[in-house]
Amino acid sequence: MPCRQSRDTVVLVSRCPRNKIEWITRADILNCSFSPQTCVVPEKFQYHCVLNENATGLVEVCAPFKTIHGNKHKHLIILPKIC
């Protein structure tokens, strides 16, 4: 099910964070867990930097986090459709 509140958090960017410090900095700026939404518990509404819908650019977005396969070294993350 789409999380429509994610649309309000989309930011076009020229690149995604390249290391942990940059990731934490950008996540802190978007402050996703405090974004108004009713999709998931606040801790699961997290920062993502991903390809846009057409795979022609990058966006930062707050969206529900879901691990569909993972171990302590790798996670495959899927983003629900937000529109």
N, C-alpha and C. Protein backbone atom coordinates (compact mmCIF):
# COMPACT_ATOMS: atom_id res chain seq x y z
N MET A 1 0.84 -1.17 0.00
CA MET A 1 0.00 0.00 0.00
C MET A 1 0.90 1.24 0.00
N PRO A 2 0.59 2.23 -0.84
CA PRO A 2 1.40 3.43 -0.89
C PRO A 2 1.35 4.22 0.42
N CYS A 3 2.43 4.88 0.71
CA CYS A 3 2.48 5.79 1.85
C CYS A 3 2.48 7.20 1.28
N ARG A 4 1.31 7.76 1.15
CA ARG A 4 1.14 9.05 0.48
C ARG A 4 1.91 10.18 1.16
N GLN A 5 2.13 10.09 2.45
CA GLN A 5 2.88 11.15 3.14
C GLN A 5 4.33 11.23 2.69
N SER A 6 4.85 10.16 2.09
CA SER A 6 6.22 10.18 1.58
C SER A 6 6.39 11.23 0.49
N ARG A 7 5.35 11.46 -0.31
CA ARG A 7 5.45 12.43 -1.40
C ARG A 7 5.88 13.81 -0.90
N ASP A 8 5.44 14.18 0.28
CA ASP A 8 5.76 15.49 0.83
C ASP A 8 7.22 15.62 1.26
N THR A 9 7.94 14.52 1.29
CA THR A 9 9.33 14.55 1.76
C THR A 9 10.35 14.44 0.63
N VAL A 10 9.91 14.27 -0.61
CA VAL A 10 10.83 14.05 -1.73
C VAL A 10 11.69 15.29 -1.99
N VAL A 11 13.00 15.06 -2.10
CA VAL A 11 13.97 16.12 -2.42
C VAL A 11 14.83 15.61 -3.56
N LEU A 12 14.89 16.37 -4.66
CA LEU A 12 15.79 16.00 -5.76
C LEU A 12 17.22 16.31 -5.35
N VAL A 13 18.13 15.36 -5.62
CA VAL A 13 19.54 15.55 -5.27
C VAL A 13 20.43 15.13 -6.43
N SER A 14 21.65 15.63 -6.44
CA SER A 14 22.59 15.27 -7.51
C SER A 14 23.38 14.01 -7.17
N ARG A 15 23.44 13.69 -5.87
CA ARG A 15 24.12 12.46 -5.46
C ARG A 15 23.60 12.01 -4.11
N CYS A 16 23.79 10.74 -3.85
CA CYS A 16 23.44 10.18 -2.55
C CYS A 16 24.65 10.26 -1.63
N PRO A 17 24.42 10.14 -0.33
CA PRO A 17 25.55 10.12 0.60
C PRO A 17 26.55 9.03 0.23
N ARG A 18 27.82 9.34 0.40
CA ARG A 18 28.88 8.40 0.01
C ARG A 18 29.50 7.66 1.18
N ASN A 19 29.14 8.04 2.38
CA ASN A 19 29.69 7.35 3.54
C ASN A 19 28.72 7.48 4.71
N LYS A 20 29.04 6.84 5.79
CA LYS A 20 28.15 6.80 6.95
C LYS A 20 27.89 8.19 7.53
N ILE A 21 28.92 9.01 7.60
CA ILE A 21 28.75 10.36 8.16
C ILE A 21 27.81 11.19 7.30
N GLU A 22 28.01 11.14 5.97
CA GLU A 22 27.10 11.87 5.08
C GLU A 22 25.68 11.35 5.20
N TRP A 23 25.53 10.02 5.30
CA TRP A 23 24.20 9.41 5.42
C TRP A 23 23.50 9.91 6.69
N ILE A 24 24.20 9.87 7.79
CA ILE A 24 23.62 10.31 9.06
C ILE A 24 23.27 11.79 9.00
N THR A 25 24.14 12.59 8.40
CA THR A 25 23.88 14.03 8.27
C THR A 25 22.60 14.29 7.48
N ARG A 26 22.47 13.65 6.33
CA ARG A 26 21.27 13.85 5.50
C ARG A 26 20.01 13.31 6.20
N ALA A 27 20.14 12.17 6.85
CA ALA A 27 19.00 11.60 7.58
C ALA A 27 18.57 12.54 8.71
N ASP A 28 19.53 13.15 9.38
CA ASP A 28 19.21 14.10 10.45
C ASP A 28 18.49 15.33 9.89
N ILE A 29 18.91 15.79 8.72
CA ILE A 29 18.28 16.96 8.12
C ILE A 29 16.83 16.66 7.74
N LEU A 30 16.58 15.50 7.13
CA LEU A 30 15.20 15.16 6.76
C LEU A 30 14.35 14.81 7.99
N ASN A 31 14.99 14.29 9.02
CA ASN A 31 14.32 14.02 10.30
C ASN A 31 13.03 13.22 10.11
N CYS A 32 13.14 12.11 9.39
CA CYS A 32 11.98 11.33 8.97
C CYS A 32 11.10 10.82 10.10
N SER A 33 11.69 10.40 11.19
CA SER A 33 10.87 9.82 12.26
C SER A 33 9.93 10.84 12.89
N PHE A 34 10.16 12.14 12.61
CA PHE A 34 9.27 13.17 13.13
C PHE A 34 8.37 13.76 12.04
N SER A 35 8.42 13.20 10.84
CA SER A 35 7.53 13.65 9.76
C SER A 35 6.11 13.18 10.05
N PRO A 36 5.14 14.05 9.82
CA PRO A 36 3.75 13.62 10.07
C PRO A 36 3.32 12.56 9.05
N GLN A 37 2.98 11.40 9.54
CA GLN A 37 2.54 10.30 8.67
C GLN A 37 1.81 9.27 9.50
N THR A 38 1.02 8.45 8.84
CA THR A 38 0.24 7.42 9.53
C THR A 38 0.47 6.04 8.92
N CYS A 39 1.56 5.90 8.16
CA CYS A 39 1.82 4.64 7.45
C CYS A 39 2.40 3.56 8.35
N VAL A 40 3.35 3.95 9.18
CA VAL A 40 4.07 2.99 10.03
C VAL A 40 4.43 3.68 11.34
N VAL A 41 4.93 2.91 12.28
CA VAL A 41 5.43 3.52 13.52
C VAL A 41 6.59 4.45 13.15
N PRO A 42 6.79 5.53 13.88
CA PRO A 42 7.80 6.53 13.51
C PRO A 42 9.20 5.96 13.24
N GLU A 43 9.62 4.97 14.00
CA GLU A 43 10.98 4.41 13.80
C GLU A 43 11.14 3.74 12.45
N LYS A 44 10.05 3.31 11.84
CA LYS A 44 10.09 2.62 10.54
C LYS A 44 9.97 3.58 9.36
N PHE A 45 9.72 4.86 9.62
CA PHE A 45 9.64 5.87 8.57
C PHE A 45 11.03 6.48 8.48
N GLN A 46 11.83 6.03 7.49
CA GLN A 46 13.25 6.33 7.49
C GLN A 46 13.71 7.01 6.21
N TYR A 47 14.90 7.57 6.31
CA TYR A 47 15.57 8.23 5.18
C TYR A 47 16.02 7.20 4.15
N HIS A 48 15.80 7.54 2.88
CA HIS A 48 16.29 6.73 1.76
C HIS A 48 16.83 7.68 0.70
N CYS A 49 17.83 7.25 -0.03
CA CYS A 49 18.30 7.97 -1.22
C CYS A 49 18.28 6.93 -2.34
N VAL A 50 17.43 7.19 -3.33
CA VAL A 50 17.16 6.18 -4.35
C VAL A 50 17.00 6.81 -5.73
N LEU A 51 16.99 5.96 -6.74
CA LEU A 51 16.67 6.43 -8.08
C LEU A 51 15.23 6.91 -8.13
N ASN A 52 14.97 7.92 -8.95
CA ASN A 52 13.59 8.36 -9.10
C ASN A 52 12.80 7.31 -9.88
N GLU A 53 11.53 7.58 -10.04
CA GLU A 53 10.61 6.62 -10.66
C GLU A 53 11.04 6.22 -12.07
N ASN A 54 11.66 7.15 -12.81
CA ASN A 54 12.07 6.87 -14.19
C ASN A 54 13.54 6.46 -14.31
N ALA A 55 14.21 6.33 -13.19
CA ALA A 55 15.64 5.98 -13.15
C ALA A 55 16.49 7.00 -13.92
N THR A 56 16.09 8.28 -13.83
CA THR A 56 16.83 9.34 -14.53
C THR A 56 17.48 10.32 -13.56
N GLY A 57 17.28 10.13 -12.28
CA GLY A 57 17.86 11.02 -11.28
C GLY A 57 17.73 10.40 -9.91
N LEU A 58 18.17 11.14 -8.90
CA LEU A 58 18.15 10.66 -7.53
C LEU A 58 17.23 11.50 -6.68
N VAL A 59 16.62 10.86 -5.70
CA VAL A 59 15.78 11.58 -4.74
C VAL A 59 16.08 11.08 -3.33
N GLU A 60 15.97 12.00 -2.40
CA GLU A 60 15.96 11.63 -0.99
C GLU A 60 14.50 11.65 -0.58
N VAL A 61 14.12 10.70 0.23
CA VAL A 61 12.71 10.58 0.61
C VAL A 61 12.61 9.87 1.96
N CYS A 62 11.61 10.25 2.71
CA CYS A 62 11.25 9.50 3.92
C CYS A 62 10.18 8.49 3.51
N ALA A 63 10.39 7.25 3.85
CA ALA A 63 9.45 6.20 3.48
C ALA A 63 9.58 5.04 4.46
N PRO A 64 8.57 4.18 4.51
CA PRO A 64 8.67 3.01 5.38
C PRO A 64 9.87 2.15 5.02
N PHE A 65 10.54 1.65 6.03
CA PHE A 65 11.68 0.75 5.87
C PHE A 65 11.19 -0.67 5.97
N LYS A 66 11.65 -1.49 5.05
CA LYS A 66 11.30 -2.91 5.11
C LYS A 66 12.47 -3.71 4.57
N THR A 67 13.00 -4.61 5.37
CA THR A 67 14.05 -5.51 4.93
C THR A 67 13.37 -6.76 4.40
N ILE A 68 13.63 -7.08 3.13
CA ILE A 68 13.02 -8.29 2.59
C ILE A 68 14.02 -9.44 2.55
N HIS A 69 15.31 -9.12 2.66
CA HIS A 69 16.33 -10.14 2.77
C HIS A 69 17.54 -9.49 3.40
N GLY A 70 18.11 -10.12 4.36
CA GLY A 70 19.27 -9.46 4.94
C GLY A 70 20.00 -10.30 5.95
N ASN A 71 21.22 -9.90 6.19
CA ASN A 71 22.01 -10.43 7.28
C ASN A 71 22.75 -9.25 7.88
N LYS A 72 23.71 -9.48 8.73
CA LYS A 72 24.34 -8.35 9.39
C LYS A 72 25.21 -7.51 8.46
N HIS A 73 25.47 -7.98 7.24
CA HIS A 73 26.32 -7.24 6.31
C HIS A 73 25.57 -6.57 5.17
N LYS A 74 24.43 -7.12 4.77
CA LYS A 74 23.72 -6.63 3.59
C LYS A 74 22.23 -6.57 3.85
N HIS A 75 21.59 -5.59 3.25
CA HIS A 75 20.14 -5.51 3.29
C HIS A 75 19.65 -5.15 1.90
N LEU A 76 18.62 -5.80 1.48
CA LEU A 76 17.93 -5.41 0.26
C LEU A 76 16.69 -4.67 0.70
N ILE A 77 16.57 -3.43 0.27
CA ILE A 77 15.49 -2.58 0.73
C ILE A 77 14.57 -2.28 -0.45
N ILE A 78 13.28 -2.38 -0.20
CA ILE A 78 12.32 -1.99 -1.23
C ILE A 78 11.54 -0.79 -0.71
N LEU A 79 11.28 0.12 -1.61
CA LEU A 79 10.45 1.26 -1.26
C LEU A 79 9.07 1.06 -1.86
N PRO A 80 8.05 1.29 -1.09
CA PRO A 80 6.72 1.19 -1.66
C PRO A 80 6.48 2.34 -2.61
N LYS A 81 5.58 2.15 -3.54
CA LYS A 81 5.20 3.25 -4.42
C LYS A 81 4.64 4.37 -3.56
N ILE A 82 5.12 5.59 -3.79
CA ILE A 82 4.72 6.69 -2.90
C ILE A 82 3.70 7.61 -3.53
N CYS A 83 3.36 7.41 -4.78
CA CYS A 83 2.37 8.28 -5.41
C CYS A 83 1.10 7.52 -5.74
